[in-house]
Amino acid sequence: MIKILAMIMLIGGAIALVMGVLGIFGSVALMLSPWALTILGFVFFVAGISMLKYRKDTDEVQAKAQN
């Protein structure tokens, strides 16, 4: 479950980061501030990567507890 959430945050953060950077350089017209989108994208991207890297999945934790 945690890895699924981490993948969603990673993909969403990457999309927001790319859209924000394109908005900063004027390639894409956005309804939201491109700087806010870039910062949020970076935060979600880094959080997703760190969750994938350092967290054990809840299924693995439950399996070890039963053994």
N, C-alpha and C. Protein backbone atom coordinates (compact mmCIF):
# COMPACT_ATOMS: atom_id res chain seq x y z
N MET A 1 0.82 -1.20 0.00
CA MET A 1 0.00 0.00 0.00
C MET A 1 0.87 1.27 0.00
N ILE A 2 1.94 1.22 0.78
CA ILE A 2 2.81 2.40 0.86
C ILE A 2 3.52 2.61 -0.47
N LYS A 3 3.92 1.52 -1.11
CA LYS A 3 4.61 1.66 -2.39
C LYS A 3 3.69 2.19 -3.48
N ILE A 4 2.41 1.84 -3.42
CA ILE A 4 1.45 2.36 -4.38
C ILE A 4 1.30 3.88 -4.19
N LEU A 5 1.17 4.30 -2.93
CA LEU A 5 1.08 5.73 -2.64
C LEU A 5 2.34 6.46 -3.07
N ALA A 6 3.50 5.84 -2.84
CA ALA A 6 4.77 6.45 -3.24
C ALA A 6 4.86 6.59 -4.76
N MET A 7 4.39 5.59 -5.49
CA MET A 7 4.41 5.68 -6.96
C MET A 7 3.48 6.77 -7.46
N ILE A 8 2.32 6.91 -6.84
CA ILE A 8 1.38 7.97 -7.23
C ILE A 8 1.99 9.34 -6.96
N MET A 9 2.64 9.49 -5.79
CA MET A 9 3.29 10.77 -5.47
C MET A 9 4.45 11.05 -6.42
N LEU A 10 5.20 10.02 -6.77
CA LEU A 10 6.34 10.17 -7.67
C LEU A 10 5.88 10.61 -9.06
N ILE A 11 4.89 9.93 -9.60
CA ILE A 11 4.40 10.26 -10.94
C ILE A 11 3.72 11.63 -10.95
N GLY A 12 2.89 11.90 -9.95
CA GLY A 12 2.23 13.20 -9.86
C GLY A 12 3.22 14.33 -9.68
N GLY A 13 4.23 14.11 -8.86
CA GLY A 13 5.26 15.12 -8.66
C GLY A 13 6.07 15.38 -9.91
N ALA A 14 6.37 14.32 -10.65
CA ALA A 14 7.13 14.49 -11.89
C ALA A 14 6.32 15.28 -12.92
N ILE A 15 5.03 14.96 -13.02
CA ILE A 15 4.18 15.69 -13.96
C ILE A 15 4.07 17.17 -13.57
N ALA A 16 3.86 17.43 -12.28
CA ALA A 16 3.75 18.81 -11.81
C ALA A 16 5.06 19.56 -12.00
N LEU A 17 6.17 18.88 -11.77
CA LEU A 17 7.48 19.51 -11.93
C LEU A 17 7.72 19.89 -13.39
N VAL A 18 7.42 18.99 -14.30
CA VAL A 18 7.61 19.28 -15.72
C VAL A 18 6.68 20.40 -16.18
N MET A 19 5.42 20.34 -15.78
CA MET A 19 4.47 21.39 -16.17
C MET A 19 4.87 22.74 -15.58
N GLY A 20 5.36 22.74 -14.34
CA GLY A 20 5.79 23.98 -13.72
C GLY A 20 7.00 24.59 -14.40
N VAL A 21 7.97 23.76 -14.75
CA VAL A 21 9.17 24.26 -15.44
C VAL A 21 8.80 24.78 -16.83
N LEU A 22 7.94 24.06 -17.52
CA LEU A 22 7.49 24.56 -18.83
C LEU A 22 6.71 25.86 -18.69
N GLY A 23 5.93 25.99 -17.61
CA GLY A 23 5.20 27.23 -17.37
C GLY A 23 6.12 28.40 -17.04
N ILE A 24 7.20 28.13 -16.33
CA ILE A 24 8.16 29.18 -15.99
C ILE A 24 8.81 29.74 -17.26
N PHE A 25 9.16 28.86 -18.18
CA PHE A 25 9.82 29.30 -19.41
C PHE A 25 8.84 29.71 -20.50
N GLY A 26 7.55 29.67 -20.21
CA GLY A 26 6.56 30.21 -21.12
C GLY A 26 6.08 29.28 -22.22
N SER A 27 6.41 28.00 -22.14
CA SER A 27 5.98 27.07 -23.18
C SER A 27 4.53 26.63 -23.01
N VAL A 28 4.05 26.65 -21.78
CA VAL A 28 2.70 26.17 -21.47
C VAL A 28 1.98 27.26 -20.67
N ALA A 29 0.74 27.56 -21.05
CA ALA A 29 -0.07 28.51 -20.29
C ALA A 29 -0.83 27.73 -19.21
N LEU A 30 -0.63 28.10 -17.96
CA LEU A 30 -1.26 27.40 -16.84
C LEU A 30 -2.20 28.33 -16.09
N MET A 31 -3.21 27.75 -15.48
CA MET A 31 -4.13 28.53 -14.65
C MET A 31 -3.51 28.81 -13.28
N LEU A 32 -2.56 27.97 -12.87
CA LEU A 32 -1.92 28.08 -11.57
C LEU A 32 -0.55 28.75 -11.75
N SER A 33 -0.03 29.30 -10.68
CA SER A 33 1.30 29.90 -10.74
C SER A 33 2.33 28.82 -11.07
N PRO A 34 3.17 29.03 -12.08
CA PRO A 34 4.14 28.00 -12.43
C PRO A 34 5.18 27.76 -11.33
N TRP A 35 5.49 28.79 -10.55
CA TRP A 35 6.45 28.60 -9.46
C TRP A 35 5.86 27.71 -8.37
N ALA A 36 4.58 27.91 -8.05
CA ALA A 36 3.94 27.07 -7.05
C ALA A 36 3.87 25.62 -7.53
N LEU A 37 3.57 25.43 -8.80
CA LEU A 37 3.48 24.09 -9.36
C LEU A 37 4.85 23.41 -9.37
N THR A 38 5.89 24.16 -9.66
CA THR A 38 7.25 23.61 -9.66
C THR A 38 7.67 23.20 -8.25
N ILE A 39 7.39 24.04 -7.27
CA ILE A 39 7.78 23.73 -5.89
C ILE A 39 7.00 22.53 -5.37
N LEU A 40 5.69 22.49 -5.61
CA LEU A 40 4.89 21.35 -5.18
C LEU A 40 5.31 20.07 -5.90
N GLY A 41 5.60 20.18 -7.18
CA GLY A 41 6.08 19.02 -7.93
C GLY A 41 7.38 18.49 -7.38
N PHE A 42 8.30 19.39 -7.03
CA PHE A 42 9.57 18.96 -6.45
C PHE A 42 9.37 18.28 -5.11
N VAL A 43 8.51 18.84 -4.27
CA VAL A 43 8.26 18.26 -2.95
C VAL A 43 7.65 16.86 -3.08
N PHE A 44 6.64 16.71 -3.93
CA PHE A 44 6.00 15.41 -4.10
C PHE A 44 6.94 14.40 -4.76
N PHE A 45 7.77 14.85 -5.69
CA PHE A 45 8.72 13.97 -6.35
C PHE A 45 9.74 13.43 -5.36
N VAL A 46 10.31 14.30 -4.55
CA VAL A 46 11.31 13.88 -3.55
C VAL A 46 10.66 12.99 -2.48
N ALA A 47 9.43 13.33 -2.06
CA ALA A 47 8.74 12.51 -1.07
C ALA A 47 8.45 11.12 -1.63
N GLY A 48 8.03 11.04 -2.88
CA GLY A 48 7.77 9.74 -3.49
C GLY A 48 9.01 8.89 -3.60
N ILE A 49 10.13 9.49 -4.00
CA ILE A 49 11.38 8.75 -4.10
C ILE A 49 11.84 8.26 -2.73
N SER A 50 11.76 9.12 -1.73
CA SER A 50 12.22 8.72 -0.40
C SER A 50 11.32 7.64 0.20
N MET A 51 10.02 7.69 -0.07
CA MET A 51 9.13 6.63 0.41
C MET A 51 9.43 5.30 -0.27
N LEU A 52 9.74 5.32 -1.55
CA LEU A 52 10.09 4.09 -2.24
C LEU A 52 11.42 3.53 -1.75
N LYS A 53 12.32 4.42 -1.40
CA LYS A 53 13.66 4.00 -1.02
C LYS A 53 13.76 3.48 0.42
N TYR A 54 13.08 4.13 1.35
CA TYR A 54 13.32 3.85 2.76
C TYR A 54 12.18 3.15 3.49
N ARG A 55 11.00 3.05 2.92
CA ARG A 55 9.87 2.46 3.63
C ARG A 55 9.67 1.02 3.19
N LYS A 56 9.33 0.17 4.17
CA LYS A 56 8.91 -1.18 3.83
C LYS A 56 7.43 -1.16 3.53
N ASP A 57 7.00 -2.02 2.65
CA ASP A 57 5.58 -2.07 2.30
C ASP A 57 4.80 -2.69 3.47
N THR A 58 3.57 -2.29 3.64
CA THR A 58 2.76 -2.79 4.75
C THR A 58 2.52 -4.29 4.63
N ASP A 59 2.47 -4.83 3.41
CA ASP A 59 2.29 -6.26 3.23
C ASP A 59 3.51 -7.03 3.74
N GLU A 60 4.70 -6.50 3.52
CA GLU A 60 5.92 -7.15 4.01
C GLU A 60 5.98 -7.11 5.53
N VAL A 61 5.56 -6.01 6.13
CA VAL A 61 5.59 -5.89 7.58
C VAL A 61 4.61 -6.86 8.21
N GLN A 62 3.43 -7.00 7.64
CA GLN A 62 2.43 -7.92 8.16
C GLN A 62 2.87 -9.37 8.01
N ALA A 63 3.54 -9.71 6.93
CA ALA A 63 4.01 -11.07 6.70
C ALA A 63 5.09 -11.44 7.70
N LYS A 64 5.99 -10.51 8.03
CA LYS A 64 7.03 -10.77 9.02
C LYS A 64 6.45 -10.90 10.42
N ALA A 65 5.40 -10.16 10.71
CA ALA A 65 4.78 -10.22 12.03
C ALA A 65 4.08 -11.56 12.25
N GLN A 66 3.57 -12.16 11.19
CA GLN A 66 2.88 -13.43 11.32
C GLN A 66 3.85 -14.59 11.47
N ASN A 67 5.06 -14.46 10.96
CA ASN A 67 6.05 -15.56 11.03
C ASN A 67 6.68 -15.62 12.34
